[in-house]
Amino acid sequence: MFDIETKIGNIHFSSNIINKIAEKAVEDCGGKVMLHNYKGALMDVMPGWASKMNLYDESAASIEVHEIGDGYIMTLYVVIKFGTSIKAVTSQILDSIYENSEKILGQKPKHVKVVVTGVVSKNIAKRHIEVSR
């Protein structure tokens, strides 16, 4: 997916590594944010079990990574807990993704978009709020 050329040789980074960077950014929010699919629906039970057996990547439906030229763009679909500041949480996620991408890959993404697909209280109230940088 993404290659870096060094003096020693080429390093290939798959989209799974980039997904893990995004997952870590969401986990750092302390449970206020959860990855969900683009419709804001909960993940199926079967993919959850398959994910535990390393047969299926549960975050694959929540994170889209596309290679463009010499970089990549990323879209995350999340739901947030009621009462959480959307601006604060999305800023924290974006900062973490840019910072960790620079540390791990040596290059920042060209564009990152966080789409809040819902707000969780007792149920999920569907929303579509895009925050990008």
Protein backbone atom coordinates (compact mmCIF):
# COMPACT_ATOMS: atom_id res chain seq x y z
CA MET A 1 0.00 0.00 0.00
CA PHE A 2 2.61 2.52 1.10
CA ASP A 3 6.35 2.29 0.45
CA ILE A 4 9.30 4.23 1.85
CA GLU A 5 12.72 4.02 0.24
CA THR A 6 15.76 4.05 2.53
CA LYS A 7 19.52 3.58 2.06
CA ILE A 8 19.21 -0.07 3.03
CA GLY A 9 16.13 -0.84 0.89
CA ASN A 10 12.38 -0.37 0.59
CA ILE A 11 9.94 -0.63 3.49
CA HIS A 12 6.36 -1.62 2.68
CA PHE A 13 3.54 -0.57 5.03
CA SER A 14 0.17 -2.27 4.57
CA SER A 15 -3.16 -0.58 5.25
CA ASN A 16 -3.44 -2.69 8.44
CA ILE A 17 -0.60 -0.71 10.02
CA ILE A 18 -2.30 2.56 9.12
CA ASN A 19 -5.57 1.16 10.55
CA LYS A 20 -3.78 0.37 13.83
CA ILE A 21 -2.58 3.99 14.05
CA ALA A 22 -6.19 5.15 13.74
CA GLU A 23 -7.45 2.54 16.23
CA LYS A 24 -4.86 3.72 18.77
CA ALA A 25 -6.00 7.32 18.30
CA VAL A 26 -9.60 6.31 19.03
CA GLU A 27 -8.59 4.18 22.04
CA ASP A 28 -6.70 7.15 23.51
CA CYS A 29 -10.01 9.02 23.84
CA GLY A 30 -10.84 6.96 26.92
CA GLY A 31 -13.96 5.17 25.71
CA LYS A 32 -15.75 8.34 24.59
CA VAL A 33 -15.45 7.34 20.92
CA MET A 34 -16.06 4.01 19.18
CA LEU A 35 -15.29 2.93 15.64
CA HIS A 36 -18.40 2.04 13.64
CA ASN A 37 -19.27 1.55 10.01
CA TYR A 38 -20.22 4.43 7.73
CA LYS A 39 -23.93 3.94 8.51
CA GLY A 40 -23.36 4.29 12.26
CA ALA A 41 -24.54 0.72 12.83
CA LEU A 42 -23.09 -1.64 15.39
CA MET A 43 -20.69 -4.30 14.17
CA ASP A 44 -22.11 -7.78 13.54
CA VAL A 45 -21.47 -10.53 16.08
CA MET A 46 -19.84 -12.84 13.53
CA PRO A 47 -17.10 -10.38 12.48
CA GLY A 48 -16.41 -9.78 16.18
CA TRP A 49 -15.78 -13.50 16.73
CA ALA A 50 -13.80 -13.80 13.50
CA SER A 51 -11.71 -10.80 14.57
CA LYS A 52 -10.76 -12.57 17.81
CA MET A 53 -9.56 -15.55 15.74
CA ASN A 54 -7.60 -13.20 13.39
CA LEU A 55 -9.81 -14.19 10.44
CA TYR A 56 -11.37 -10.75 9.97
CA ASP A 57 -10.27 -7.21 10.72
CA GLU A 58 -13.22 -5.64 12.55
CA SER A 59 -11.95 -2.09 11.99
CA ALA A 60 -11.84 -2.55 8.21
CA ALA A 61 -15.41 -1.29 7.84
CA SER A 62 -14.66 1.74 10.03
CA ILE A 63 -11.45 3.00 8.47
CA GLU A 64 -10.82 3.70 4.79
CA VAL A 65 -7.29 4.25 3.54
CA HIS A 66 -6.56 5.26 -0.05
CA GLU A 67 -3.14 5.72 -1.59
CA ILE A 68 -2.65 8.89 -3.63
CA GLY A 69 0.63 9.62 -5.35
CA ASP A 70 3.30 9.77 -2.67
CA GLY A 71 0.98 9.56 0.34
CA TYR A 72 -2.40 8.44 1.57
CA ILE A 73 -5.75 9.78 2.71
CA MET A 74 -7.77 8.32 5.56
CA THR A 75 -11.44 8.39 6.58
CA LEU A 76 -12.64 7.18 10.01
CA TYR A 77 -16.27 6.52 10.90
CA VAL A 78 -17.02 6.89 14.60
CA VAL A 79 -19.84 7.31 17.10
CA ILE A 80 -19.37 9.34 20.26
CA LYS A 81 -20.96 9.15 23.69
CA PHE A 82 -23.60 11.72 24.56
CA GLY A 83 -22.17 14.77 26.33
CA THR A 84 -18.76 14.52 24.68
CA SER A 85 -17.45 17.56 22.83
CA ILE A 86 -17.27 16.65 19.14
CA LYS A 87 -14.69 19.35 18.46
CA ALA A 88 -12.39 18.30 21.32
CA VAL A 89 -12.55 14.58 20.55
CA THR A 90 -12.11 14.90 16.78
CA SER A 91 -9.20 17.31 17.29
CA GLN A 92 -7.57 14.82 19.66
CA ILE A 93 -8.04 11.98 17.12
CA LEU A 94 -6.64 14.05 14.25
CA ASP A 95 -3.64 15.23 16.29
CA SER A 96 -2.87 11.67 17.39
CA ILE A 97 -3.10 10.29 13.84
CA TYR A 98 -0.80 12.95 12.40
CA GLU A 99 1.71 12.62 15.26
CA ASN A 100 1.83 8.80 15.27
CA SER A 101 1.95 8.58 11.47
CA GLU A 102 5.00 10.84 11.51
CA LYS A 103 6.68 8.71 14.21
CA ILE A 104 5.91 5.29 12.73
CA LEU A 105 5.82 5.90 8.98
CA GLY A 106 8.03 8.96 8.76
CA GLN A 107 5.33 10.78 6.82
CA LYS A 108 2.04 12.46 7.70
CA PRO A 109 -1.14 11.58 5.79
CA LYS A 110 -2.16 14.03 3.08
CA HIS A 111 -5.72 14.28 4.40
CA VAL A 112 -7.64 12.78 7.33
CA LYS A 113 -11.42 12.96 7.72
CA VAL A 114 -13.30 11.91 10.87
CA VAL A 115 -17.00 11.32 10.24
CA VAL A 116 -19.22 11.24 13.33
CA THR A 117 -22.04 8.94 12.23
CA GLY A 118 -23.94 8.97 15.51
CA VAL A 119 -24.22 9.91 19.16
CA VAL A 120 -24.74 7.16 21.73
CA SER A 121 -26.98 7.61 24.77
CA LYS A 122 -29.45 4.76 25.28
CA ASN A 123 -29.66 4.34 21.52
CA ILE A 124 -27.61 5.65 18.61
CA ALA A 125 -28.92 8.97 17.31
CA LYS A 126 -27.74 9.13 13.70
CA ARG A 127 -25.69 12.13 12.65
CA HIS A 128 -23.33 12.92 9.82
CA ILE A 129 -20.71 15.40 10.95
CA GLU A 130 -17.43 15.55 9.02
CA VAL A 131 -14.28 17.02 10.54
CA SER A 132 -11.15 17.03 8.39
CA ARG A 133 -7.65 18.35 8.31
